[in-house]
Amino acid sequence: MGYTVVALEDKIMEMYPELTEKGIAVSLEFSSEKNAYIVKFSKGGRALTTHLDKKDADDCMNNIKCVYLGMQIGEFEKNFEEYRKG
């Protein structure tokens, strides 16, 4: 499946609108070494990273929510909130 990093980023933002609502920025880059996308979430000078396997990225582009990425987003939201309170 062919798509750009920007298209995948847009799709993630579309599938997980809470990122925009909570002011969390997303950036991606593809690692051919890992055959995965490195996903960076940032907010307020803090950043967290995870990876998204190529197969999961393909599913995402086919409108199938990635459970692993969704769990990571939830964890990152919690971490950002705890940092803000701390």
N, C-alpha and C. Protein backbone atom coordinates (compact mmCIF):
# COMPACT_ATOMS: atom_id res chain seq x y z
N MET A 1 0.85 -1.17 0.00
CA MET A 1 0.00 0.00 0.00
C MET A 1 0.89 1.23 0.00
N GLY A 2 0.63 2.16 -0.89
CA GLY A 2 1.44 3.36 -0.97
C GLY A 2 0.73 4.57 -0.38
N TYR A 3 1.39 5.25 0.52
CA TYR A 3 0.89 6.50 1.11
C TYR A 3 2.08 7.25 1.68
N THR A 4 1.88 8.50 1.94
CA THR A 4 2.97 9.32 2.47
C THR A 4 2.91 9.37 3.99
N VAL A 5 3.99 9.80 4.59
CA VAL A 5 4.05 9.99 6.03
C VAL A 5 3.01 11.03 6.45
N VAL A 6 2.86 12.07 5.64
CA VAL A 6 1.88 13.12 5.95
C VAL A 6 0.47 12.56 5.93
N ALA A 7 0.15 11.71 4.94
CA ALA A 7 -1.18 11.10 4.87
C ALA A 7 -1.44 10.23 6.09
N LEU A 8 -0.45 9.49 6.54
CA LEU A 8 -0.61 8.65 7.73
C LEU A 8 -0.80 9.52 8.97
N GLU A 9 -0.03 10.57 9.08
CA GLU A 9 -0.18 11.49 10.21
C GLU A 9 -1.58 12.09 10.23
N ASP A 10 -2.06 12.53 9.06
CA ASP A 10 -3.42 13.08 8.97
C ASP A 10 -4.46 12.04 9.38
N LYS A 11 -4.27 10.79 8.97
CA LYS A 11 -5.21 9.73 9.29
C LYS A 11 -5.23 9.46 10.80
N ILE A 12 -4.06 9.46 11.43
CA ILE A 12 -3.99 9.26 12.88
C ILE A 12 -4.73 10.39 13.60
N MET A 13 -4.52 11.61 13.14
CA MET A 13 -5.20 12.76 13.77
C MET A 13 -6.71 12.66 13.56
N GLU A 14 -7.13 12.16 12.42
CA GLU A 14 -8.55 11.98 12.13
C GLU A 14 -9.15 10.89 13.01
N MET A 15 -8.43 9.79 13.19
CA MET A 15 -8.94 8.66 13.96
C MET A 15 -8.91 8.89 15.47
N TYR A 16 -8.00 9.75 15.90
CA TYR A 16 -7.84 10.04 17.32
C TYR A 16 -7.97 11.55 17.55
N PRO A 17 -9.20 12.10 17.42
CA PRO A 17 -9.39 13.56 17.54
C PRO A 17 -9.02 14.12 18.90
N GLU A 18 -8.95 13.24 19.91
CA GLU A 18 -8.57 13.71 21.24
C GLU A 18 -7.16 14.31 21.26
N LEU A 19 -6.33 13.91 20.31
CA LEU A 19 -4.98 14.49 20.23
C LEU A 19 -5.07 15.98 19.98
N THR A 20 -5.86 16.38 18.99
CA THR A 20 -6.04 17.80 18.67
C THR A 20 -6.73 18.51 19.83
N GLU A 21 -7.77 17.88 20.37
CA GLU A 21 -8.53 18.48 21.47
C GLU A 21 -7.65 18.77 22.67
N LYS A 22 -6.65 17.93 22.92
CA LYS A 22 -5.78 18.10 24.08
C LYS A 22 -4.47 18.79 23.73
N GLY A 23 -4.35 19.25 22.48
CA GLY A 23 -3.16 20.00 22.07
C GLY A 23 -1.91 19.17 21.95
N ILE A 24 -2.06 17.89 21.63
CA ILE A 24 -0.91 17.00 21.48
C ILE A 24 -0.54 16.94 20.00
N ALA A 25 0.67 17.32 19.68
CA ALA A 25 1.16 17.28 18.30
C ALA A 25 1.73 15.91 17.99
N VAL A 26 1.62 15.51 16.74
CA VAL A 26 2.11 14.21 16.29
C VAL A 26 3.05 14.40 15.12
N SER A 27 4.18 13.72 15.16
CA SER A 27 5.07 13.70 13.99
C SER A 27 5.52 12.27 13.78
N LEU A 28 5.79 11.94 12.52
CA LEU A 28 6.16 10.58 12.15
C LEU A 28 7.38 10.57 11.26
N GLU A 29 8.11 9.48 11.34
CA GLU A 29 9.17 9.21 10.37
C GLU A 29 9.26 7.70 10.22
N PHE A 30 9.60 7.26 9.02
CA PHE A 30 9.68 5.83 8.77
C PHE A 30 11.09 5.34 9.02
N SER A 31 11.22 4.22 9.74
CA SER A 31 12.50 3.59 9.98
C SER A 31 12.55 2.31 9.15
N SER A 32 13.35 2.32 8.09
CA SER A 32 13.45 1.11 7.27
C SER A 32 14.13 -0.01 8.05
N GLU A 33 14.99 0.35 8.98
CA GLU A 33 15.67 -0.64 9.82
C GLU A 33 14.66 -1.44 10.65
N LYS A 34 13.63 -0.76 11.18
CA LYS A 34 12.63 -1.42 12.01
C LYS A 34 11.37 -1.79 11.23
N ASN A 35 11.29 -1.33 9.97
CA ASN A 35 10.10 -1.50 9.15
C ASN A 35 8.87 -1.01 9.91
N ALA A 36 9.04 0.16 10.53
CA ALA A 36 7.98 0.73 11.35
C ALA A 36 8.10 2.25 11.31
N TYR A 37 7.00 2.89 11.67
CA TYR A 37 7.00 4.35 11.80
C TYR A 37 7.32 4.69 13.25
N ILE A 38 8.18 5.67 13.43
CA ILE A 38 8.46 6.20 14.75
C ILE A 38 7.49 7.35 14.95
N VAL A 39 6.66 7.25 15.97
CA VAL A 39 5.61 8.24 16.22
C VAL A 39 6.02 9.06 17.45
N LYS A 40 6.06 10.36 17.27
CA LYS A 40 6.44 11.25 18.37
C LYS A 40 5.24 12.12 18.74
N PHE A 41 4.87 12.08 20.00
CA PHE A 41 3.82 12.92 20.54
C PHE A 41 4.48 14.02 21.37
N SER A 42 4.05 15.25 21.20
CA SER A 42 4.66 16.32 21.98
C SER A 42 3.61 17.34 22.42
N LYS A 43 3.90 17.91 23.58
CA LYS A 43 3.04 18.94 24.15
C LYS A 43 3.80 19.65 25.25
N GLY A 44 3.76 20.96 25.23
CA GLY A 44 4.35 21.75 26.30
C GLY A 44 5.81 21.47 26.58
N GLY A 45 6.60 21.23 25.54
CA GLY A 45 8.02 20.97 25.73
C GLY A 45 8.35 19.54 26.11
N ARG A 46 7.34 18.70 26.26
CA ARG A 46 7.56 17.29 26.57
C ARG A 46 7.30 16.46 25.33
N ALA A 47 8.00 15.37 25.19
CA ALA A 47 7.80 14.49 24.03
C ALA A 47 7.91 13.03 24.45
N LEU A 48 7.10 12.22 23.82
CA LEU A 48 7.11 10.79 24.04
C LEU A 48 7.08 10.11 22.68
N THR A 49 7.75 8.98 22.54
CA THR A 49 7.78 8.30 21.26
C THR A 49 7.35 6.84 21.41
N THR A 50 6.83 6.31 20.33
CA THR A 50 6.47 4.90 20.23
C THR A 50 6.69 4.51 18.78
N HIS A 51 6.37 3.28 18.45
CA HIS A 51 6.49 2.88 17.06
C HIS A 51 5.16 2.29 16.58
N LEU A 52 4.97 2.33 15.29
CA LEU A 52 3.78 1.80 14.64
C LEU A 52 4.26 0.90 13.52
N ASP A 53 4.07 -0.41 13.69
CA ASP A 53 4.51 -1.36 12.65
C ASP A 53 3.85 -1.03 11.32
N LYS A 54 4.54 -1.38 10.25
CA LYS A 54 4.05 -1.10 8.89
C LYS A 54 2.66 -1.70 8.70
N LYS A 55 2.43 -2.91 9.18
CA LYS A 55 1.12 -3.54 9.01
C LYS A 55 0.04 -2.74 9.74
N ASP A 56 0.34 -2.28 10.95
CA ASP A 56 -0.62 -1.47 11.70
C ASP A 56 -0.87 -0.14 11.00
N ALA A 57 0.17 0.43 10.41
CA ALA A 57 0.00 1.68 9.66
C ALA A 57 -0.89 1.45 8.45
N ASP A 58 -0.68 0.33 7.77
CA ASP A 58 -1.53 -0.01 6.62
C ASP A 58 -2.99 -0.15 7.06
N ASP A 59 -3.21 -0.83 8.20
CA ASP A 59 -4.57 -0.96 8.73
C ASP A 59 -5.18 0.39 9.03
N CYS A 60 -4.39 1.25 9.64
CA CYS A 60 -4.84 2.59 9.97
C CYS A 60 -5.31 3.33 8.71
N MET A 61 -4.54 3.22 7.65
CA MET A 61 -4.90 3.88 6.39
C MET A 61 -6.17 3.28 5.79
N ASN A 62 -6.53 2.05 6.21
CA ASN A 62 -7.76 1.40 5.78
C ASN A 62 -8.89 1.59 6.79
N ASN A 63 -8.73 2.59 7.66
CA ASN A 63 -9.74 2.95 8.67
C ASN A 63 -9.95 1.89 9.74
N ILE A 64 -8.92 1.10 10.01
CA ILE A 64 -8.98 0.12 11.10
C ILE A 64 -8.14 0.68 12.24
N LYS A 65 -8.80 0.97 13.36
CA LYS A 65 -8.07 1.55 14.48
C LYS A 65 -7.05 0.55 15.02
N CYS A 66 -5.89 1.05 15.30
CA CYS A 66 -4.81 0.25 15.84
C CYS A 66 -4.94 0.24 17.36
N VAL A 67 -5.23 -0.91 17.93
CA VAL A 67 -5.43 -1.04 19.37
C VAL A 67 -4.17 -0.61 20.12
N TYR A 68 -3.02 -1.09 19.66
CA TYR A 68 -1.76 -0.75 20.33
C TYR A 68 -1.53 0.76 20.35
N LEU A 69 -1.71 1.41 19.20
CA LEU A 69 -1.50 2.86 19.14
C LEU A 69 -2.51 3.58 20.02
N GLY A 70 -3.75 3.13 20.01
CA GLY A 70 -4.77 3.74 20.86
C GLY A 70 -4.42 3.64 22.33
N MET A 71 -3.89 2.50 22.74
CA MET A 71 -3.45 2.33 24.13
C MET A 71 -2.30 3.28 24.45
N GLN A 72 -1.36 3.41 23.52
CA GLN A 72 -0.23 4.31 23.72
C GLN A 72 -0.70 5.76 23.83
N ILE A 73 -1.64 6.14 22.98
CA ILE A 73 -2.17 7.51 23.02
C ILE A 73 -2.81 7.76 24.38
N GLY A 74 -3.60 6.81 24.88
CA GLY A 74 -4.21 6.97 26.20
C GLY A 74 -3.18 7.12 27.29
N GLU A 75 -2.12 6.33 27.21
CA GLU A 75 -1.05 6.41 28.21
C GLU A 75 -0.32 7.75 28.12
N PHE A 76 -0.07 8.22 26.90
CA PHE A 76 0.61 9.49 26.71
C PHE A 76 -0.24 10.64 27.22
N GLU A 77 -1.54 10.60 26.95
CA GLU A 77 -2.44 11.64 27.46
C GLU A 77 -2.36 11.69 28.98
N LYS A 78 -2.39 10.53 29.61
CA LYS A 78 -2.30 10.46 31.07
C LYS A 78 -0.97 11.03 31.56
N ASN A 79 0.12 10.67 30.91
CA ASN A 79 1.44 11.18 31.32
C ASN A 79 1.53 12.69 31.17
N PHE A 80 1.03 13.22 30.06
CA PHE A 80 1.05 14.67 29.86
C PHE A 80 0.23 15.37 30.95
N GLU A 81 -0.93 14.81 31.28
CA GLU A 81 -1.79 15.40 32.30
C GLU A 81 -1.12 15.35 33.67
N GLU A 82 -0.50 14.22 34.01
CA GLU A 82 0.19 14.11 35.29
C GLU A 82 1.37 15.08 35.38
N TYR A 83 2.07 15.26 34.27
CA TYR A 83 3.20 16.19 34.25
C TYR A 83 2.69 17.62 34.49
N ARG A 84 1.57 17.94 33.86
CA ARG A 84 1.01 19.29 33.99
C ARG A 84 0.59 19.57 35.43
N LYS A 85 0.04 18.56 36.09
CA LYS A 85 -0.40 18.72 37.47
C LYS A 85 0.76 18.75 38.45
N GLY A 86 1.84 18.02 38.08
CA GLY A 86 2.99 17.86 38.97
C GLY A 86 3.78 19.08 39.07
